[in-house]
Structure formats: C-alpha cells, structure tokens
PDB file of N, CA and C in Angstrom:
ATOM      1  N   MET A   1    -109.200 -61.141 -47.257  1.00  0.00           N
ATOM      2  CA  MET A   1    -109.124 -59.724 -47.164  1.00  0.00           C
ATOM      3  C   MET A   1    -108.787 -59.091 -48.461  1.00  0.00           C
ATOM      4  N   ARG A   2    -109.247 -57.893 -48.663  1.00  0.00           N
ATOM      5  CA  ARG A   2    -108.953 -57.096 -49.881  1.00  0.00           C
ATOM      6  C   ARG A   2    -108.229 -55.895 -49.450  1.00  0.00           C
ATOM      7  N   ASN A   3    -107.094 -55.529 -50.238  1.00  0.00           N
ATOM      8  CA  ASN A   3    -106.390 -54.330 -49.939  1.00  0.00           C
ATOM      9  C   ASN A   3    -107.049 -53.170 -50.662  1.00  0.00           C
ATOM     10  N   VAL A   4    -107.101 -52.060 -50.015  1.00  0.00           N
ATOM     11  CA  VAL A   4    -107.742 -50.856 -50.505  1.00  0.00           C
ATOM     12  C   VAL A   4    -106.734 -49.669 -50.133  1.00  0.00           C
ATOM     13  N   THR A   5    -106.548 -48.777 -51.075  1.00  0.00           N
ATOM     14  CA  THR A   5    -105.761 -47.677 -50.831  1.00  0.00           C
ATOM     15  C   THR A   5    -106.625 -46.439 -50.553  1.00  0.00           C
ATOM     16  N   VAL A   6    -106.296 -45.760 -49.397  1.00  0.00           N
ATOM     17  CA  VAL A   6    -107.105 -44.628 -48.998  1.00  0.00           C
ATOM     18  C   VAL A   6    -106.137 -43.449 -48.860  1.00  0.00           C
ATOM     19  N   SER A   7    -106.640 -42.268 -49.448  1.00  0.00           N
ATOM     20  CA  SER A   7    -105.840 -41.008 -49.333  1.00  0.00           C
ATOM     21  C   SER A   7    -106.478 -40.152 -48.293  1.00  0.00           C
ATOM     22  N   ILE A   8    -105.694 -39.773 -47.273  1.00  0.00           N
ATOM     23  CA  ILE A   8    -106.219 -38.938 -46.203  1.00  0.00           C
ATOM     24  C   ILE A   8    -105.148 -37.872 -45.848  1.00  0.00           C
ATOM     25  N   PRO A   9    -105.582 -36.766 -45.281  1.00  0.00           N
ATOM     26  CA  PRO A   9    -104.528 -35.740 -44.932  1.00  0.00           C
ATOM     27  C   PRO A   9    -103.544 -36.305 -43.926  1.00  0.00           C
ATOM     28  N   GLU A  10    -102.317 -35.770 -44.050  1.00  0.00           N
ATOM     29  CA  GLU A  10    -101.235 -36.260 -43.156  1.00  0.00           C
ATOM     30  C   GLU A  10    -101.552 -36.161 -41.704  1.00  0.00           C
ATOM     31  N   GLU A  11    -102.132 -35.029 -41.289  1.00  0.00           N
ATOM     32  CA  GLU A  11    -102.565 -34.758 -39.886  1.00  0.00           C
ATOM     33  C   GLU A  11    -103.531 -35.980 -39.337  1.00  0.00           C
ATOM     34  N   LEU A  12    -104.439 -36.296 -40.199  1.00  0.00           N
ATOM     35  CA  LEU A  12    -105.382 -37.352 -39.895  1.00  0.00           C
ATOM     36  C   LEU A  12    -104.662 -38.765 -39.809  1.00  0.00           C
ATOM     37  N   ALA A  13    -103.802 -38.936 -40.783  1.00  0.00           N
ATOM     38  CA  ALA A  13    -103.039 -40.225 -40.737  1.00  0.00           C
ATOM     39  C   ALA A  13    -102.187 -40.333 -39.518  1.00  0.00           C
ATOM     40  N   ARG A  14    -101.503 -39.264 -39.108  1.00  0.00           N
ATOM     41  CA  ARG A  14    -100.688 -39.269 -37.898  1.00  0.00           C
ATOM     42  C   ARG A  14    -101.566 -39.580 -36.725  1.00  0.00           C
ATOM     43  N   TRP A  15    -102.799 -38.917 -36.588  1.00  0.00           N
ATOM     44  CA  TRP A  15    -103.632 -39.168 -35.439  1.00  0.00           C
ATOM     45  C   TRP A  15    -104.107 -40.623 -35.448  1.00  0.00           C
ATOM     46  N   ALA A  16    -104.364 -41.177 -36.665  1.00  0.00           N
ATOM     47  CA  ALA A  16    -104.878 -42.530 -36.746  1.00  0.00           C
ATOM     48  C   ALA A  16    -103.741 -43.555 -36.316  1.00  0.00           C
ATOM     49  N   ARG A  17    -102.557 -43.273 -36.715  1.00  0.00           N
ATOM     50  CA  ARG A  17    -101.451 -44.208 -36.322  1.00  0.00           C
ATOM     51  C   ARG A  17    -101.199 -44.151 -34.847  1.00  0.00           C
ATOM     52  N   ILE A  18    -101.308 -43.023 -34.223  1.00  0.00           N
ATOM     53  CA  ILE A  18    -101.157 -42.827 -32.753  1.00  0.00           C
ATOM     54  C   ILE A  18    -102.282 -43.559 -32.066  1.00  0.00           C
ATOM     55  N   TRP A  19    -103.557 -43.283 -32.446  1.00  0.00           N
ATOM     56  CA  TRP A  19    -104.712 -43.921 -31.775  1.00  0.00           C
ATOM     57  C   TRP A  19    -104.586 -45.435 -31.924  1.00  0.00           C
ATOM     58  N   ALA A  20    -104.286 -45.966 -33.147  1.00  0.00           N
ATOM     59  CA  ALA A  20    -104.179 -47.371 -33.263  1.00  0.00           C
ATOM     60  C   ALA A  20    -103.088 -47.978 -32.427  1.00  0.00           C
ATOM     61  N   ALA A  21    -101.917 -47.254 -32.360  1.00  0.00           N
ATOM     62  CA  ALA A  21    -100.916 -47.862 -31.471  1.00  0.00           C
ATOM     63  C   ALA A  21    -101.368 -47.857 -30.015  1.00  0.00           C
ATOM     64  N   GLU A  22    -101.958 -46.793 -29.567  1.00  0.00           N
ATOM     65  CA  GLU A  22    -102.458 -46.770 -28.168  1.00  0.00           C
ATOM     66  C   GLU A  22    -103.493 -47.776 -27.867  1.00  0.00           C
ATOM     67  N   HIS A  23    -104.155 -48.331 -28.883  1.00  0.00           N
ATOM     68  CA  HIS A  23    -105.187 -49.381 -28.634  1.00  0.00           C
ATOM     69  C   HIS A  23    -104.800 -50.713 -29.262  1.00  0.00           C
ATOM     70  N   ASP A  24    -103.477 -50.945 -29.330  1.00  0.00           N
ATOM     71  CA  ASP A  24    -102.932 -52.224 -29.776  1.00  0.00           C
ATOM     72  C   ASP A  24    -103.641 -52.635 -31.129  1.00  0.00           C
ATOM     73  N   SER A  25    -103.685 -51.772 -32.004  1.00  0.00           N
ATOM     74  CA  SER A  25    -104.420 -52.067 -33.320  1.00  0.00           C
ATOM     75  C   SER A  25    -103.450 -51.477 -34.376  1.00  0.00           C
ATOM     76  N   SER A  26    -104.018 -51.533 -35.578  1.00  0.00           N
ATOM     77  CA  SER A  26    -103.437 -50.855 -36.783  1.00  0.00           C
ATOM     78  C   SER A  26    -104.448 -49.922 -37.366  1.00  0.00           C
ATOM     79  N   VAL A  27    -103.931 -49.036 -38.207  1.00  0.00           N
ATOM     80  CA  VAL A  27    -104.918 -48.156 -38.935  1.00  0.00           C
ATOM     81  C   VAL A  27    -105.877 -49.009 -39.802  1.00  0.00           C
ATOM     82  N   SER A  28    -105.362 -49.999 -40.381  1.00  0.00           N
ATOM     83  CA  SER A  28    -106.176 -50.918 -41.180  1.00  0.00           C
ATOM     84  C   SER A  28    -107.266 -51.502 -40.352  1.00  0.00           C
ATOM     85  N   GLY A  29    -106.870 -51.999 -39.173  1.00  0.00           N
ATOM     86  CA  GLY A  29    -107.876 -52.598 -38.221  1.00  0.00           C
ATOM     87  C   GLY A  29    -108.966 -51.596 -37.797  1.00  0.00           C
ATOM     88  N   LEU A  30    -108.506 -50.373 -37.453  1.00  0.00           N
ATOM     89  CA  LEU A  30    -109.347 -49.242 -37.093  1.00  0.00           C
ATOM     90  C   LEU A  30    -110.374 -49.009 -38.220  1.00  0.00           C
ATOM     91  N   LEU A  31    -109.886 -48.769 -39.459  1.00  0.00           N
ATOM     92  CA  LEU A  31    -110.854 -48.461 -40.555  1.00  0.00           C
ATOM     93  C   LEU A  31    -111.749 -49.703 -40.790  1.00  0.00           C
ATOM     94  N   SER A  32    -111.256 -50.869 -40.688  1.00  0.00           N
ATOM     95  CA  SER A  32    -112.092 -52.053 -40.838  1.00  0.00           C
ATOM     96  C   SER A  32    -113.243 -52.087 -39.887  1.00  0.00           C
ATOM     97  N   ARG A  33    -112.932 -51.872 -38.590  1.00  0.00           N
ATOM     98  CA  ARG A  33    -113.968 -51.896 -37.492  1.00  0.00           C
ATOM     99  C   ARG A  33    -114.940 -50.690 -37.772  1.00  0.00           C
ATOM    100  N   LEU A  34    -114.484 -49.491 -38.072  1.00  0.00           N
ATOM    101  CA  LEU A  34    -115.388 -48.358 -38.234  1.00  0.00           C
ATOM    102  C   LEU A  34    -116.320 -48.709 -39.515  1.00  0.00           C
ATOM    103  N   LEU A  35    -115.819 -49.214 -40.629  1.00  0.00           N
ATOM    104  CA  LEU A  35    -116.607 -49.465 -41.672  1.00  0.00           C
ATOM    105  C   LEU A  35    -117.636 -50.578 -41.404  1.00  0.00           C
ATOM    106  N   GLN A  36    -117.251 -51.592 -40.691  1.00  0.00           N
ATOM    107  CA  GLN A  36    -118.093 -52.720 -40.303  1.00  0.00           C
ATOM    108  C   GLN A  36    -119.279 -52.127 -39.440  1.00  0.00           C
ATOM    109  N   GLU A  37    -118.864 -51.299 -38.494  1.00  0.00           N
ATOM    110  CA  GLU A  37    -119.964 -50.682 -37.618  1.00  0.00           C
ATOM    111  C   GLU A  37    -120.916 -49.861 -38.457  1.00  0.00           C
ATOM    112  N   LYS A  38    -120.474 -49.158 -39.356  1.00  0.00           N
ATOM    113  CA  LYS A  38    -121.190 -48.280 -40.283  1.00  0.00           C
ATOM    114  C   LYS A  38    -122.198 -49.222 -41.086  1.00  0.00           C
ATOM    115  N   MET A  39    -121.645 -50.257 -41.649  1.00  0.00           N
ATOM    116  CA  MET A  39    -122.404 -51.171 -42.439  1.00  0.00           C
ATOM    117  C   MET A  39    -123.564 -51.830 -41.662  1.00  0.00           C
ATOM    118  N   GLU A  40    -123.229 -52.234 -40.392  1.00  0.00           N
ATOM    119  CA  GLU A  40    -124.254 -52.893 -39.495  1.00  0.00           C
ATOM    120  C   GLU A  40    -125.267 -51.777 -39.140  1.00  0.00           C
ATOM    121  N   SER A  41    -124.920 -50.628 -38.903  1.00  0.00           N
ATOM    122  CA  SER A  41    -125.815 -49.584 -38.535  1.00  0.00           C
ATOM    123  C   SER A  41    -126.811 -49.290 -39.643  1.00  0.00           C
ATOM    124  N   GLU A  42    -126.270 -49.192 -40.867  1.00  0.00           N
ATOM    125  CA  GLU A  42    -127.116 -48.907 -42.038  1.00  0.00           C
ATOM    126  C   GLU A  42    -128.138 -50.127 -42.226  1.00  0.00           C
ATOM    127  N   SER A  43    -127.632 -51.330 -41.993  1.00  0.00           N
ATOM    128  CA  SER A  43    -128.451 -52.494 -42.166  1.00  0.00           C
ATOM    129  C   SER A  43    -129.629 -52.518 -41.150  1.00  0.00           C
ATOM    130  N   ARG A  44    -129.271 -52.162 -39.871  1.00  0.00           N
ATOM    131  CA  ARG A  44    -130.375 -52.129 -38.818  1.00  0.00           C
ATOM    132  C   ARG A  44    -131.357 -51.012 -39.189  1.00  0.00           C
ATOM    133  N   TYR A  45    -130.813 -49.929 -39.661  1.00  0.00           N
ATOM    134  CA  TYR A  45    -131.745 -48.833 -40.031  1.00  0.00           C
ATOM    135  C   TYR A  45    -132.745 -49.270 -41.122  1.00  0.00           C
ATOM    136  N   GLN A  46    -132.157 -49.905 -42.163  1.00  0.00           N
ATOM    137  CA  GLN A  46    -132.949 -50.318 -43.274  1.00  0.00           C
ATOM    138  C   GLN A  46    -134.031 -51.345 -42.840  1.00  0.00           C
ATOM    139  N   SER A  47    -133.676 -52.271 -41.944  1.00  0.00           N
ATOM    140  CA  SER A  47    -134.423 -53.308 -41.449  1.00  0.00           C
ATOM    141  C   SER A  47    -135.647 -52.663 -40.681  1.00  0.00           C
ATOM    142  N   SER A  48    -135.352 -51.682 -39.901  1.00  0.00           N
ATOM    143  CA  SER A  48    -136.340 -50.930 -39.138  1.00  0.00           C
ATOM    144  C   SER A  48    -137.315 -50.221 -39.991  1.00  0.00           C
ATOM    145  N   MET A  49    -136.739 -49.527 -41.063  1.00  0.00           N
ATOM    146  CA  MET A  49    -137.579 -48.764 -42.053  1.00  0.00           C
ATOM    147  C   MET A  49    -138.534 -49.722 -42.719  1.00  0.00           C
ATOM    148  N   ASP A  50    -137.932 -50.874 -43.214  1.00  0.00           N
ATOM    149  CA  ASP A  50    -138.748 -51.885 -43.940  1.00  0.00           C
ATOM    150  C   ASP A  50    -139.895 -52.367 -43.083  1.00  0.00           C
ATOM    151  N   SER A  51    -139.625 -52.691 -41.799  1.00  0.00           N
ATOM    152  CA  SER A  51    -140.583 -53.147 -40.850  1.00  0.00           C
ATOM    153  C   SER A  51    -141.692 -52.092 -40.664  1.00  0.00           C
ATOM    154  N   PHE A  52    -141.340 -50.841 -40.524  1.00  0.00           N
ATOM    155  CA  PHE A  52    -142.270 -49.753 -40.264  1.00  0.00           C
ATOM    156  C   PHE A  52    -143.184 -49.611 -41.507  1.00  0.00           C
ATOM    157  N   LEU A  53    -142.506 -49.581 -42.721  1.00  0.00           N
ATOM    158  CA  LEU A  53    -143.328 -49.390 -43.945  1.00  0.00           C
ATOM    159  C   LEU A  53    -144.174 -50.513 -44.284  1.00  0.00           C
ATOM    160  N   SER A  54    -143.866 -51.738 -43.753  1.00  0.00           N
ATOM    161  CA  SER A  54    -144.765 -52.886 -44.019  1.00  0.00           C
ATOM    162  C   SER A  54    -146.048 -52.986 -43.232  1.00  0.00           C
ATOM    163  N   ARG A  55    -146.173 -52.034 -42.242  1.00  0.00           N
ATOM    164  CA  ARG A  55    -147.373 -52.032 -41.460  1.00  0.00           C
ATOM    165  C   ARG A  55    -148.577 -51.486 -42.337  1.00  0.00           C
ATOM    166  N   SER A  56    -149.713 -51.929 -42.046  1.00  0.00           N
ATOM    167  CA  SER A  56    -150.845 -51.462 -42.817  1.00  0.00           C
ATOM    168  C   SER A  56    -151.283 -50.135 -42.227  1.00  0.00           C
ATOM    169  N   ALA A  57    -151.732 -49.247 -43.132  1.00  0.00           N
ATOM    170  CA  ALA A  57    -152.197 -47.926 -42.743  1.00  0.00           C
ATOM    171  C   ALA A  57    -153.452 -48.019 -41.922  1.00  0.00           C
ATOM    172  N   THR A  58    -153.594 -47.048 -41.057  1.00  0.00           N
ATOM    173  CA  THR A  58    -154.866 -46.936 -40.219  1.00  0.00           C
ATOM    174  C   THR A  58    -155.754 -45.956 -40.847  1.00  0.00           C
ATOM    175  N   ASN A  59    -156.976 -46.380 -41.135  1.00  0.00           N
ATOM    176  CA  ASN A  59    -157.960 -45.494 -41.763  1.00  0.00           C
ATOM    177  C   ASN A  59    -158.687 -44.698 -40.716  1.00  0.00           C
ATOM    178  N   LEU A  60    -158.471 -43.438 -40.647  1.00  0.00           N
ATOM    179  CA  LEU A  60    -159.221 -42.629 -39.608  1.00  0.00           C
ATOM    180  C   LEU A  60    -160.457 -41.940 -40.110  1.00  0.00           C
ATOM    181  N   SER A  61    -160.779 -42.201 -41.378  1.00  0.00           N
ATOM    182  CA  SER A  61    -161.989 -41.491 -41.917  1.00  0.00           C
ATOM    183  C   SER A  61    -163.263 -42.205 -41.599  1.00  0.00           C
ATOM    184  N   ASP A  62    -163.239 -43.405 -41.006  1.00  0.00           N
ATOM    185  CA  ASP A  62    -164.403 -44.045 -40.619  1.00  0.00           C
ATOM    186  C   ASP A  62    -164.892 -43.672 -39.280  1.00  0.00           C
ATOM    187  N   GLY A  63    -164.687 -42.493 -38.859  1.00  0.00           N
ATOM    188  CA  GLY A  63    -165.186 -41.978 -37.569  1.00  0.00           C
ATOM    189  C   GLY A  63    -164.266 -42.399 -36.444  1.00  0.00           C
ATOM    190  N   ALA A  64    -163.174 -42.991 -36.718  1.00  0.00           N
ATOM    191  CA  ALA A  64    -162.259 -43.370 -35.652  1.00  0.00           C
ATOM    192  C   ALA A  64    -161.532 -42.076 -35.188  1.00  0.00           C
ATOM    193  N   SER A  65    -161.223 -42.023 -33.983  1.00  0.00           N
ATOM    194  CA  SER A  65    -160.472 -40.794 -33.478  1.00  0.00           C
ATOM    195  C   SER A  65    -158.982 -41.061 -33.589  1.00  0.00           C
ATOM    196  N   TYR A  66    -158.331 -40.019 -33.523  1.00  0.00           N
ATOM    197  CA  TYR A  66    -156.785 -40.154 -33.556  1.00  0.00           C
ATOM    198  C   TYR A  66    -156.412 -40.669 -32.280  1.00  0.00           C
ATOM    199  N   PRO A  67    -155.216 -41.461 -32.231  1.00  0.00           N
ATOM    200  CA  PRO A  67    -154.676 -41.976 -30.977  1.00  0.00           C
ATOM    201  C   PRO A  67    -154.262 -40.758 -30.112  1.00  0.00           C
ATOM    202  N   SER A  68    -154.279 -40.989 -28.865  1.00  0.00           N
ATOM    203  CA  SER A  68    -153.778 -39.979 -27.861  1.00  0.00           C
ATOM    204  C   SER A  68    -152.322 -39.859 -28.019  1.00  0.00           C
ATOM    205  N   ARG A  69    -151.849 -38.735 -27.648  1.00  0.00           N
ATOM    206  CA  ARG A  69    -150.352 -38.490 -27.633  1.00  0.00           C
ATOM    207  C   ARG A  69    -149.675 -39.416 -26.703  1.00  0.00           C
ATOM    208  N   ASP A  70    -150.305 -39.730 -25.487  1.00  0.00           N
ATOM    209  CA  ASP A  70    -149.672 -40.606 -24.548  1.00  0.00           C
ATOM    210  C   ASP A  70    -149.556 -42.091 -25.093  1.00  0.00           C
ATOM    211  N   SER A  71    -150.585 -42.467 -25.839  1.00  0.00           N
ATOM    212  CA  SER A  71    -150.547 -43.857 -26.314  1.00  0.00           C
ATOM    213  C   SER A  71    -149.540 -44.029 -27.495  1.00  0.00           C
ATOM    214  N   LEU A  72    -149.267 -42.855 -28.165  1.00  0.00           N
ATOM    215  CA  LEU A  72    -148.227 -42.930 -29.200  1.00  0.00           C
ATOM    216  C   LEU A  72    -146.832 -43.145 -28.638  1.00  0.00           C
ATOM    217  N   TYR A  73    -146.656 -42.559 -27.411  1.00  0.00           N
ATOM    218  CA  TYR A  73    -145.246 -42.584 -26.818  1.00  0.00           C
ATOM    219  C   TYR A  73    -145.103 -43.783 -25.914  1.00  0.00           C
ATOM    220  N   GLU A  74    -146.051 -44.607 -25.815  1.00  0.00           N
ATOM    221  CA  GLU A  74    -145.900 -45.871 -24.920  1.00  0.00           C
ATOM    222  C   GLU A  74    -145.080 -46.932 -25.598  1.00  0.00           C
TER     223      GLU A  74
END
C-alpha cells in the first residue's frame, strides 16, 4: 500500500469519518474502494469503446438500405 495525502474541506472530512464509522470502515478504505470502482468503470468503458471501434464499417452506398430503427434497438 502507498500512503497519499489528500486535502479536503473540513465538512467533507467530517462527513467521511462519520460515514466510514457507520459502515465499519475507515476514510482510507472508503477512498480506496471509490477509486477502485472508478478505475474499473473507466477500464470497462475503454474496453467497450475499443470493441465498438474495432468493428468494420458498413458501406451503405452499394444500394444497401439503412437498418430499421427496430433492428438497431434489438
């Protein structure tokens, strides 16, 4: 584990200490979980974006019609 110093307003620090105590945790544990969740969310988003962008484009100029709205939402 690495120690990191964070500066936050006193009111926010008070709320975080109370919330952590009510949930049998620490402010450090709370911040660690929140940052871990954010990192995982960003990673899932990036993976989804990479997957989407790796698809080949559909050429509609060869007389093909556009997909129907219903088929797009299936």
